[in-house]
Amino acid sequence: MEEIETEEEKLFKKHRKEKKELQAKIQGMKNAVAKNDKKRRKQLVEEVAKFEAELELRHEEEVKLLTRSLDESSTVESSINGITNLELEIENETAVKQSRIS
């Protein structure tokens, strides 16, 4: 039986994949630099920190957007339910008034 993934689960799965890919890229960069090249190693550490910070910031923004969109959709659904309930109440009131007239 297949399980249906929610939007949150899809996003977190994507984030884990991107983190894993970044770690692989970092490892490749580290292996490309000679051990005795301290200047290049220092640059590499700075680049790695920048890449990780950018990825983390982007992931936070994506989570905020998803949360905001889920909140808006639930607000719309509750508004629609409220309007439907109001319409039903109005219909019931008119039916009661019509029955009293006769």
PDB file of N, CA and C in Angstrom:
ATOM      1  N   MET A   1       0.841  -1.178   0.000  1.00  0.00           N
ATOM      2  CA  MET A   1       0.000   0.000   0.000  1.00  0.00           C
ATOM      3  C   MET A   1       0.886   1.241   0.000  1.00  0.00           C
ATOM      4  N   GLU A   2       0.635   2.158  -0.917  1.00  0.00           N
ATOM      5  CA  GLU A   2       1.443   3.376  -1.023  1.00  0.00           C
ATOM      6  C   GLU A   2       0.978   4.408  -0.023  1.00  0.00           C
ATOM      7  N   GLU A   3       1.952   5.079   0.584  1.00  0.00           N
ATOM      8  CA  GLU A   3       1.626   6.172   1.484  1.00  0.00           C
ATOM      9  C   GLU A   3       1.740   7.475   0.708  1.00  0.00           C
ATOM     10  N   ILE A   4       0.813   8.353   0.942  1.00  0.00           N
ATOM     11  CA  ILE A   4       0.824   9.650   0.277  1.00  0.00           C
ATOM     12  C   ILE A   4       1.675  10.606   1.109  1.00  0.00           C
ATOM     13  N   GLU A   5       2.663  11.238   0.455  1.00  0.00           N
ATOM     14  CA  GLU A   5       3.536  12.172   1.154  1.00  0.00           C
ATOM     15  C   GLU A   5       2.887  13.542   1.210  1.00  0.00           C
ATOM     16  N   THR A   6       3.002  14.188   2.343  1.00  0.00           N
ATOM     17  CA  THR A   6       2.496  15.551   2.455  1.00  0.00           C
ATOM     18  C   THR A   6       3.536  16.498   1.863  1.00  0.00           C
ATOM     19  N   GLU A   7       3.136  17.744   1.690  1.00  0.00           N
ATOM     20  CA  GLU A   7       4.048  18.749   1.145  1.00  0.00           C
ATOM     21  C   GLU A   7       5.257  18.923   2.070  1.00  0.00           C
ATOM     22  N   GLU A   8       5.014  18.889   3.384  1.00  0.00           N
ATOM     23  CA  GLU A   8       6.125  19.028   4.342  1.00  0.00           C
ATOM     24  C   GLU A   8       7.124  17.888   4.181  1.00  0.00           C
ATOM     25  N   GLU A   9       6.610  16.671   4.076  1.00  0.00           N
ATOM     26  CA  GLU A   9       7.495  15.518   3.942  1.00  0.00           C
ATOM     27  C   GLU A   9       8.315  15.601   2.662  1.00  0.00           C
ATOM     28  N   LYS A  10       7.687  16.049   1.575  1.00  0.00           N
ATOM     29  CA  LYS A  10       8.406  16.193   0.307  1.00  0.00           C
ATOM     30  C   LYS A  10       9.514  17.230   0.437  1.00  0.00           C
ATOM     31  N   LEU A  11       9.200  18.338   1.107  1.00  0.00           N
ATOM     32  CA  LEU A  11      10.181  19.402   1.269  1.00  0.00           C
ATOM     33  C   LEU A  11      11.358  18.924   2.119  1.00  0.00           C
ATOM     34  N   PHE A  12      11.071  18.255   3.240  1.00  0.00           N
ATOM     35  CA  PHE A  12      12.152  17.785   4.101  1.00  0.00           C
ATOM     36  C   PHE A  12      12.993  16.715   3.407  1.00  0.00           C
ATOM     37  N   LYS A  13      12.361  15.888   2.597  1.00  0.00           N
ATOM     38  CA  LYS A  13      13.093  14.879   1.829  1.00  0.00           C
ATOM     39  C   LYS A  13      14.040  15.563   0.837  1.00  0.00           C
ATOM     40  N   LYS A  14      13.541  16.617   0.182  1.00  0.00           N
ATOM     41  CA  LYS A  14      14.356  17.390  -0.754  1.00  0.00           C
ATOM     42  C   LYS A  14      15.531  18.047  -0.018  1.00  0.00           C
ATOM     43  N   HIS A  15      15.270  18.584   1.160  1.00  0.00           N
ATOM     44  CA  HIS A  15      16.327  19.235   1.944  1.00  0.00           C
ATOM     45  C   HIS A  15      17.418  18.243   2.350  1.00  0.00           C
ATOM     46  N   ARG A  16      17.009  17.057   2.769  1.00  0.00           N
ATOM     47  CA  ARG A  16      18.008  16.038   3.134  1.00  0.00           C
ATOM     48  C   ARG A  16      18.873  15.672   1.929  1.00  0.00           C
ATOM     49  N   LYS A  17      18.234  15.543   0.765  1.00  0.00           N
ATOM     50  CA  LYS A  17      18.970  15.205  -0.454  1.00  0.00           C
ATOM     51  C   LYS A  17      19.966  16.313  -0.802  1.00  0.00           C
ATOM     52  N   GLU A  18      19.527  17.567  -0.703  1.00  0.00           N
ATOM     53  CA  GLU A  18      20.415  18.686  -1.013  1.00  0.00           C
ATOM     54  C   GLU A  18      21.590  18.762  -0.033  1.00  0.00           C
ATOM     55  N   LYS A  19      21.340  18.496   1.247  1.00  0.00           N
ATOM     56  CA  LYS A  19      22.425  18.494   2.233  1.00  0.00           C
ATOM     57  C   LYS A  19      23.433  17.397   1.926  1.00  0.00           C
ATOM     58  N   LYS A  20      22.919  16.227   1.543  1.00  0.00           N
ATOM     59  CA  LYS A  20      23.799  15.105   1.213  1.00  0.00           C
ATOM     60  C   LYS A  20      24.645  15.441  -0.014  1.00  0.00           C
ATOM     61  N   GLU A  21      24.020  16.078  -1.026  1.00  0.00           N
ATOM     62  CA  GLU A  21      24.758  16.467  -2.231  1.00  0.00           C
ATOM     63  C   GLU A  21      25.819  17.513  -1.920  1.00  0.00           C
ATOM     64  N   LEU A  22      25.489  18.450  -1.045  1.00  0.00           N
ATOM     65  CA  LEU A  22      26.458  19.476  -0.653  1.00  0.00           C
ATOM     66  C   LEU A  22      27.642  18.841   0.074  1.00  0.00           C
ATOM     67  N   GLN A  23      27.375  17.889   0.952  1.00  0.00           N
ATOM     68  CA  GLN A  23      28.461  17.218   1.675  1.00  0.00           C
ATOM     69  C   GLN A  23      29.375  16.473   0.700  1.00  0.00           C
ATOM     70  N   ALA A  24      28.782  15.856  -0.315  1.00  0.00           N
ATOM     71  CA  ALA A  24      29.587  15.157  -1.320  1.00  0.00           C
ATOM     72  C   ALA A  24      30.445  16.152  -2.100  1.00  0.00           C
ATOM     73  N   LYS A  25      29.872  17.294  -2.441  1.00  0.00           N
ATOM     74  CA  LYS A  25      30.608  18.333  -3.162  1.00  0.00           C
ATOM     75  C   LYS A  25      31.765  18.860  -2.299  1.00  0.00           C
ATOM     76  N   ILE A  26      31.490  19.087  -1.034  1.00  0.00           N
ATOM     77  CA  ILE A  26      32.524  19.573  -0.109  1.00  0.00           C
ATOM     78  C   ILE A  26      33.658  18.554   0.005  1.00  0.00           C
ATOM     79  N   GLN A  27      33.296  17.292   0.119  1.00  0.00           N
ATOM     80  CA  GLN A  27      34.309  16.248   0.241  1.00  0.00           C
ATOM     81  C   GLN A  27      35.188  16.215  -1.004  1.00  0.00           C
ATOM     82  N   GLY A  28      34.571  16.359  -2.168  1.00  0.00           N
ATOM     83  CA  GLY A  28      35.347  16.388  -3.410  1.00  0.00           C
ATOM     84  C   GLY A  28      36.281  17.587  -3.456  1.00  0.00           C
ATOM     85  N   MET A  29      35.808  18.724  -2.993  1.00  0.00           N
ATOM     86  CA  MET A  29      36.651  19.923  -2.963  1.00  0.00           C
ATOM     87  C   MET A  29      37.828  19.743  -2.013  1.00  0.00           C
ATOM     88  N   LYS A  30      37.568  19.122  -0.867  1.00  0.00           N
ATOM     89  CA  LYS A  30      38.642  18.894   0.115  1.00  0.00           C
ATOM     90  C   LYS A  30      39.704  17.947  -0.451  1.00  0.00           C
ATOM     91  N   ASN A  31      39.259  16.933  -1.176  1.00  0.00           N
ATOM     92  CA  ASN A  31      40.207  15.971  -1.738  1.00  0.00           C
ATOM     93  C   ASN A  31      41.037  16.580  -2.862  1.00  0.00           C
ATOM     94  N   ALA A  32      40.510  17.634  -3.502  1.00  0.00           N
ATOM     95  CA  ALA A  32      41.214  18.259  -4.616  1.00  0.00           C
ATOM     96  C   ALA A  32      42.349  19.174  -4.156  1.00  0.00           C
ATOM     97  N   VAL A  33      42.322  19.573  -2.886  1.00  0.00           N
ATOM     98  CA  VAL A  33      43.341  20.491  -2.370  1.00  0.00           C
ATOM     99  C   VAL A  33      44.453  19.689  -1.692  1.00  0.00           C
ATOM    100  N   ALA A  34      45.698  20.092  -1.995  1.00  0.00           N
ATOM    101  CA  ALA A  34      46.848  19.418  -1.386  1.00  0.00           C
ATOM    102  C   ALA A  34      46.869  19.682   0.115  1.00  0.00           C
ATOM    103  N   LYS A  35      47.340  18.690   0.865  1.00  0.00           N
ATOM    104  CA  LYS A  35      47.363  18.809   2.322  1.00  0.00           C
ATOM    105  C   LYS A  35      48.292  19.920   2.805  1.00  0.00           C
ATOM    106  N   ASN A  36      49.370  20.177   2.093  1.00  0.00           N
ATOM    107  CA  ASN A  36      50.338  21.171   2.555  1.00  0.00           C
ATOM    108  C   ASN A  36      50.034  22.595   2.066  1.00  0.00           C
ATOM    109  N   ASP A  37      48.951  22.784   1.318  1.00  0.00           N
ATOM    110  CA  ASP A  37      48.577  24.117   0.807  1.00  0.00           C
ATOM    111  C   ASP A  37      47.634  24.783   1.812  1.00  0.00           C
ATOM    112  N   LYS A  38      48.213  25.416   2.819  1.00  0.00           N
ATOM    113  CA  LYS A  38      47.422  25.994   3.909  1.00  0.00           C
ATOM    114  C   LYS A  38      46.552  27.155   3.445  1.00  0.00           C
ATOM    115  N   LYS A  39      47.054  27.954   2.516  1.00  0.00           N
ATOM    116  CA  LYS A  39      46.294  29.095   2.018  1.00  0.00           C
ATOM    117  C   LYS A  39      45.012  28.624   1.322  1.00  0.00           C
ATOM    118  N   ARG A  40      45.161  27.637   0.457  1.00  0.00           N
ATOM    119  CA  ARG A  40      44.000  27.098  -0.268  1.00  0.00           C
ATOM    120  C   ARG A  40      43.046  26.389   0.691  1.00  0.00           C
ATOM    121  N   ARG A  41      43.574  25.715   1.689  1.00  0.00           N
ATOM    122  CA  ARG A  41      42.731  25.045   2.694  1.00  0.00           C
ATOM    123  C   ARG A  41      41.868  26.070   3.434  1.00  0.00           C
ATOM    124  N   LYS A  42      42.480  27.199   3.778  1.00  0.00           N
ATOM    125  CA  LYS A  42      41.751  28.253   4.491  1.00  0.00           C
ATOM    126  C   LYS A  42      40.632  28.805   3.611  1.00  0.00           C
ATOM    127  N   GLN A  43      40.904  29.020   2.319  1.00  0.00           N
ATOM    128  CA  GLN A  43      39.882  29.482   1.389  1.00  0.00           C
ATOM    129  C   GLN A  43      38.744  28.456   1.279  1.00  0.00           C
ATOM    130  N   LEU A  44      39.129  27.198   1.266  1.00  0.00           N
ATOM    131  CA  LEU A  44      38.154  26.123   1.164  1.00  0.00           C
ATOM    132  C   LEU A  44      37.223  26.126   2.370  1.00  0.00           C
ATOM    133  N   VAL A  45      37.771  26.312   3.557  1.00  0.00           N
ATOM    134  CA  VAL A  45      36.955  26.347   4.771  1.00  0.00           C
ATOM    135  C   VAL A  45      35.951  27.497   4.694  1.00  0.00           C
ATOM    136  N   GLU A  46      36.398  28.651   4.190  1.00  0.00           N
ATOM    137  CA  GLU A  46      35.495  29.800   4.055  1.00  0.00           C
ATOM    138  C   GLU A  46      34.400  29.530   3.020  1.00  0.00           C
ATOM    139  N   GLU A  47      34.771  28.918   1.904  1.00  0.00           N
ATOM    140  CA  GLU A  47      33.786  28.581   0.878  1.00  0.00           C
ATOM    141  C   GLU A  47      32.752  27.591   1.404  1.00  0.00           C
ATOM    142  N   VAL A  48      33.218  26.597   2.139  1.00  0.00           N
ATOM    143  CA  VAL A  48      32.327  25.585   2.698  1.00  0.00           C
ATOM    144  C   VAL A  48      31.336  26.243   3.658  1.00  0.00           C
ATOM    145  N   ALA A  49      31.830  27.139   4.508  1.00  0.00           N
ATOM    146  CA  ALA A  49      30.945  27.829   5.448  1.00  0.00           C
ATOM    147  C   ALA A  49      29.902  28.657   4.696  1.00  0.00           C
ATOM    148  N   LYS A  50      30.323  29.307   3.616  1.00  0.00           N
ATOM    149  CA  LYS A  50      29.405  30.117   2.821  1.00  0.00           C
ATOM    150  C   LYS A  50      28.336  29.235   2.172  1.00  0.00           C
ATOM    151  N   PHE A  51      28.754  28.110   1.569  1.00  0.00           N
ATOM    152  CA  PHE A  51      27.804  27.196   0.928  1.00  0.00           C
ATOM    153  C   PHE A  51      26.782  26.670   1.940  1.00  0.00           C
ATOM    154  N   GLU A  52      27.265  26.269   3.113  1.00  0.00           N
ATOM    155  CA  GLU A  52      26.372  25.725   4.128  1.00  0.00           C
ATOM    156  C   GLU A  52      25.396  26.786   4.629  1.00  0.00           C
ATOM    157  N   ALA A  53      25.877  28.011   4.826  1.00  0.00           N
ATOM    158  CA  ALA A  53      25.010  29.094   5.289  1.00  0.00           C
ATOM    159  C   ALA A  53      23.935  29.416   4.252  1.00  0.00           C
ATOM    160  N   GLU A  54      24.333  29.469   2.983  1.00  0.00           N
ATOM    161  CA  GLU A  54      23.358  29.750   1.916  1.00  0.00           C
ATOM    162  C   GLU A  54      22.294  28.662   1.844  1.00  0.00           C
ATOM    163  N   LEU A  55      22.724  27.407   1.946  1.00  0.00           N
ATOM    164  CA  LEU A  55      21.783  26.294   1.883  1.00  0.00           C
ATOM    165  C   LEU A  55      20.820  26.350   3.071  1.00  0.00           C
ATOM    166  N   GLU A  56      21.342  26.597   4.258  1.00  0.00           N
ATOM    167  CA  GLU A  56      20.506  26.662   5.461  1.00  0.00           C
ATOM    168  C   GLU A  56      19.492  27.804   5.363  1.00  0.00           C
ATOM    169  N   LEU A  57      19.942  28.952   4.883  1.00  0.00           N
ATOM    170  CA  LEU A  57      19.054  30.105   4.730  1.00  0.00           C
ATOM    171  C   LEU A  57      17.945  29.813   3.719  1.00  0.00           C
ATOM    172  N   ARG A  58      18.322  29.198   2.593  1.00  0.00           N
ATOM    173  CA  ARG A  58      17.329  28.859   1.572  1.00  0.00           C
ATOM    174  C   ARG A  58      16.316  27.852   2.105  1.00  0.00           C
ATOM    175  N   HIS A  59      16.794  26.871   2.874  1.00  0.00           N
ATOM    176  CA  HIS A  59      15.890  25.875   3.443  1.00  0.00           C
ATOM    177  C   HIS A  59      14.918  26.517   4.430  1.00  0.00           C
ATOM    178  N   GLU A  60      15.413  27.448   5.244  1.00  0.00           N
ATOM    179  CA  GLU A  60      14.535  28.140   6.193  1.00  0.00           C
ATOM    180  C   GLU A  60      13.448  28.924   5.457  1.00  0.00           C
ATOM    181  N   GLU A  61      13.835  29.592   4.379  1.00  0.00           N
ATOM    182  CA  GLU A  61      12.864  30.369   3.593  1.00  0.00           C
ATOM    183  C   GLU A  61      11.812  29.448   2.978  1.00  0.00           C
ATOM    184  N   GLU A  62      12.234  28.293   2.471  1.00  0.00           N
ATOM    185  CA  GLU A  62      11.290  27.357   1.866  1.00  0.00           C
ATOM    186  C   GLU A  62      10.302  26.827   2.901  1.00  0.00           C
ATOM    187  N   VAL A  63      10.783  26.561   4.112  1.00  0.00           N
ATOM    188  CA  VAL A  63       9.899  26.078   5.175  1.00  0.00           C
ATOM    189  C   VAL A  63       8.896  27.170   5.554  1.00  0.00           C
ATOM    190  N   LYS A  64       9.366  28.415   5.647  1.00  0.00           N
ATOM    191  CA  LYS A  64       8.462  29.527   5.971  1.00  0.00           C
ATOM    192  C   LYS A  64       7.384  29.680   4.904  1.00  0.00           C
ATOM    193  N   LEU A  65       7.786  29.605   3.636  1.00  0.00           N
ATOM    194  CA  LEU A  65       6.812  29.723   2.544  1.00  0.00           C
ATOM    195  C   LEU A  65       5.777  28.601   2.597  1.00  0.00           C
ATOM    196  N   LEU A  66       6.253  27.389   2.846  1.00  0.00           N
ATOM    197  CA  LEU A  66       5.340  26.247   2.925  1.00  0.00           C
ATOM    198  C   LEU A  66       4.375  26.418   4.085  1.00  0.00           C
ATOM    199  N   THR A  67       4.886  26.825   5.235  1.00  0.00           N
ATOM    200  CA  THR A  67       4.042  27.027   6.407  1.00  0.00           C
ATOM    201  C   THR A  67       3.000  28.102   6.132  1.00  0.00           C
ATOM    202  N   ARG A  68       3.435  29.190   5.520  1.00  0.00           N
ATOM    203  CA  ARG A  68       2.520  30.287   5.206  1.00  0.00           C
ATOM    204  C   ARG A  68       1.435  29.827   4.232  1.00  0.00           C
ATOM    205  N   SER A  69       1.821  29.070   3.210  1.00  0.00           N
ATOM    206  CA  SER A  69       0.837  28.614   2.224  1.00  0.00           C
ATOM    207  C   SER A  69      -0.141  27.618   2.848  1.00  0.00           C
ATOM    208  N   LEU A  70       0.346  26.759   3.759  1.00  0.00           N
ATOM    209  CA  LEU A  70      -0.550  25.814   4.428  1.00  0.00           C
ATOM    210  C   LEU A  70      -1.522  26.558   5.339  1.00  0.00           C
ATOM    211  N   ASP A  71      -1.047  27.602   6.026  1.00  0.00           N
ATOM    212  CA  ASP A  71      -1.925  28.401   6.887  1.00  0.00           C
ATOM    213  C   ASP A  71      -2.997  29.102   6.067  1.00  0.00           C
ATOM    214  N   GLU A  72      -2.602  29.652   4.914  1.00  0.00           N
ATOM    215  CA  GLU A  72      -3.564  30.350   4.062  1.00  0.00           C
ATOM    216  C   GLU A  72      -4.616  29.386   3.525  1.00  0.00           C
ATOM    217  N   SER A  73      -4.194  28.194   3.132  1.00  0.00           N
ATOM    218  CA  SER A  73      -5.158  27.239   2.587  1.00  0.00           C
ATOM    219  C   SER A  73      -6.129  26.777   3.671  1.00  0.00           C
ATOM    220  N   SER A  74      -5.665  26.604   4.902  1.00  0.00           N
ATOM    221  CA  SER A  74      -6.573  26.203   5.980  1.00  0.00           C
ATOM    222  C   SER A  74      -7.513  27.347   6.330  1.00  0.00           C
ATOM    223  N   THR A  75      -7.041  28.596   6.226  1.00  0.00           N
ATOM    224  CA  THR A  75      -7.900  29.748   6.476  1.00  0.00           C
ATOM    225  C   THR A  75      -8.989  29.825   5.412  1.00  0.00           C
ATOM    226  N   VAL A  76      -8.628  29.589   4.167  1.00  0.00           N
ATOM    227  CA  VAL A  76      -9.607  29.604   3.078  1.00  0.00           C
ATOM    228  C   VAL A  76     -10.642  28.507   3.294  1.00  0.00           C
ATOM    229  N   GLU A  77     -10.193  27.321   3.677  1.00  0.00           N
ATOM    230  CA  GLU A  77     -11.126  26.213   3.901  1.00  0.00           C
ATOM    231  C   GLU A  77     -12.080  26.527   5.043  1.00  0.00           C
ATOM    232  N   SER A  78     -11.580  27.104   6.126  1.00  0.00           N
ATOM    233  CA  SER A  78     -12.457  27.428   7.245  1.00  0.00           C
ATOM    234  C   SER A  78     -13.422  28.541   6.871  1.00  0.00           C
ATOM    235  N   SER A  79     -12.987  29.480   6.042  1.00  0.00           N
ATOM    236  CA  SER A  79     -13.884  30.544   5.580  1.00  0.00           C
ATOM    237  C   SER A  79     -14.991  29.963   4.712  1.00  0.00           C
ATOM    238  N   ILE A  80     -14.630  29.047   3.839  1.00  0.00           N
ATOM    239  CA  ILE A  80     -15.630  28.407   2.974  1.00  0.00           C
ATOM    240  C   ILE A  80     -16.628  27.628   3.822  1.00  0.00           C
ATOM    241  N   ASN A  81     -16.128  26.916   4.828  1.00  0.00           N
ATOM    242  CA  ASN A  81     -17.024  26.173   5.716  1.00  0.00           C
ATOM    243  C   ASN A  81     -17.951  27.120   6.463  1.00  0.00           C
ATOM    244  N   GLY A  82     -17.435  28.256   6.904  1.00  0.00           N
ATOM    245  CA  GLY A  82     -18.250  29.241   7.606  1.00  0.00           C
ATOM    246  C   GLY A  82     -19.336  29.799   6.717  1.00  0.00           C
ATOM    247  N   ILE A  83     -18.990  30.091   5.470  1.00  0.00           N
ATOM    248  CA  ILE A  83     -19.976  30.619   4.520  1.00  0.00           C
ATOM    249  C   ILE A  83     -21.044  29.571   4.234  1.00  0.00           C
ATOM    250  N   THR A  84     -20.632  28.334   4.081  1.00  0.00           N
ATOM    251  CA  THR A  84     -21.589  27.253   3.821  1.00  0.00           C
ATOM    252  C   THR A  84     -22.553  27.108   4.995  1.00  0.00           C
ATOM    253  N   ASN A  85     -22.012  27.154   6.205  1.00  0.00           N
ATOM    254  CA  ASN A  85     -22.862  27.048   7.394  1.00  0.00           C
ATOM    255  C   ASN A  85     -23.829  28.219   7.467  1.00  0.00           C
ATOM    256  N   LEU A  86     -23.368  29.409   7.154  1.00  0.00           N
ATOM    257  CA  LEU A  86     -24.215  30.597   7.166  1.00  0.00           C
ATOM    258  C   LEU A  86     -25.339  30.467   6.144  1.00  0.00           C
ATOM    259  N   GLU A  87     -24.997  29.981   4.943  1.00  0.00           N
ATOM    260  CA  GLU A  87     -26.013  29.782   3.921  1.00  0.00           C
ATOM    261  C   GLU A  87     -27.067  28.773   4.373  1.00  0.00           C
ATOM    262  N   LEU A  88     -26.635  27.696   5.038  1.00  0.00           N
ATOM    263  CA  LEU A  88     -27.573  26.694   5.531  1.00  0.00           C
ATOM    264  C   LEU A  88     -28.485  27.287   6.597  1.00  0.00           C
ATOM    265  N   GLU A  89     -27.931  28.120   7.470  1.00  0.00           N
ATOM    266  CA  GLU A  89     -28.743  28.747   8.510  1.00  0.00           C
ATOM    267  C   GLU A  89     -29.783  29.674   7.898  1.00  0.00           C
ATOM    268  N   ILE A  90     -29.385  30.430   6.882  1.00  0.00           N
ATOM    269  CA  ILE A  90     -30.321  31.332   6.215  1.00  0.00           C
ATOM    270  C   ILE A  90     -31.427  30.532   5.541  1.00  0.00           C
ATOM    271  N   GLU A  91     -31.089  29.441   4.887  1.00  0.00           N
ATOM    272  CA  GLU A  91     -32.085  28.597   4.235  1.00  0.00           C
ATOM    273  C   GLU A  91     -33.055  28.030   5.264  1.00  0.00           C
ATOM    274  N   ASN A  92     -32.546  27.606   6.420  1.00  0.00           N
ATOM    275  CA  ASN A  92     -33.405  27.050   7.469  1.00  0.00           C
ATOM    276  C   ASN A  92     -34.357  28.115   8.003  1.00  0.00           C
ATOM    277  N   GLU A  93     -33.876  29.346   8.189  1.00  0.00           N
ATOM    278  CA  GLU A  93     -34.713  30.424   8.687  1.00  0.00           C
ATOM    279  C   GLU A  93     -35.828  30.754   7.700  1.00  0.00           C
ATOM    280  N   THR A  94     -35.512  30.797   6.414  1.00  0.00           N
ATOM    281  CA  THR A  94     -36.545  31.101   5.419  1.00  0.00           C
ATOM    282  C   THR A  94     -37.565  29.978   5.342  1.00  0.00           C
ATOM    283  N   ALA A  95     -37.140  28.740   5.511  1.00  0.00           N
ATOM    284  CA  ALA A  95     -38.079  27.607   5.500  1.00  0.00           C
ATOM    285  C   ALA A  95     -39.010  27.694   6.698  1.00  0.00           C
ATOM    286  N   VAL A  96     -38.491  28.082   7.856  1.00  0.00           N
ATOM    287  CA  VAL A  96     -39.318  28.208   9.054  1.00  0.00           C
ATOM    288  C   VAL A  96     -40.325  29.329   8.859  1.00  0.00           C
ATOM    289  N   LYS A  97     -39.896  30.467   8.326  1.00  0.00           N
ATOM    290  CA  LYS A  97     -40.801  31.595   8.116  1.00  0.00           C
ATOM    291  C   LYS A  97     -41.885  31.239   7.115  1.00  0.00           C
ATOM    292  N   GLN A  98     -41.559  30.538   6.075  1.00  0.00           N
ATOM    293  CA  GLN A  98     -42.545  30.156   5.086  1.00  0.00           C
ATOM    294  C   GLN A  98     -43.580  29.195   5.669  1.00  0.00           C
ATOM    295  N   SER A  99     -43.154  28.324   6.537  1.00  0.00           N
ATOM    296  CA  SER A  99     -44.112  27.370   7.116  1.00  0.00           C
ATOM    297  C   SER A  99     -45.066  28.087   8.066  1.00  0.00           C
ATOM    298  N   ARG A 100     -44.673  29.148   8.692  1.00  0.00           N
ATOM    299  CA  ARG A 100     -45.558  29.876   9.603  1.00  0.00           C
ATOM    300  C   ARG A 100     -46.615  30.662   8.831  1.00  0.00           C
ATOM    301  N   ILE A 101     -46.274  31.140   7.674  1.00  0.00           N
ATOM    302  CA  ILE A 101     -47.211  31.928   6.889  1.00  0.00           C
ATOM    303  C   ILE A 101     -48.403  31.072   6.489  1.00  0.00           C
ATOM    304  N   SER A 102     -48.183  29.865   6.112  1.00  0.00           N
ATOM    305  CA  SER A 102     -49.261  29.003   5.663  1.00  0.00           C
ATOM    306  C   SER A 102     -49.994  28.475   6.849  1.00  0.00           C
TER     307      SER A 102
END
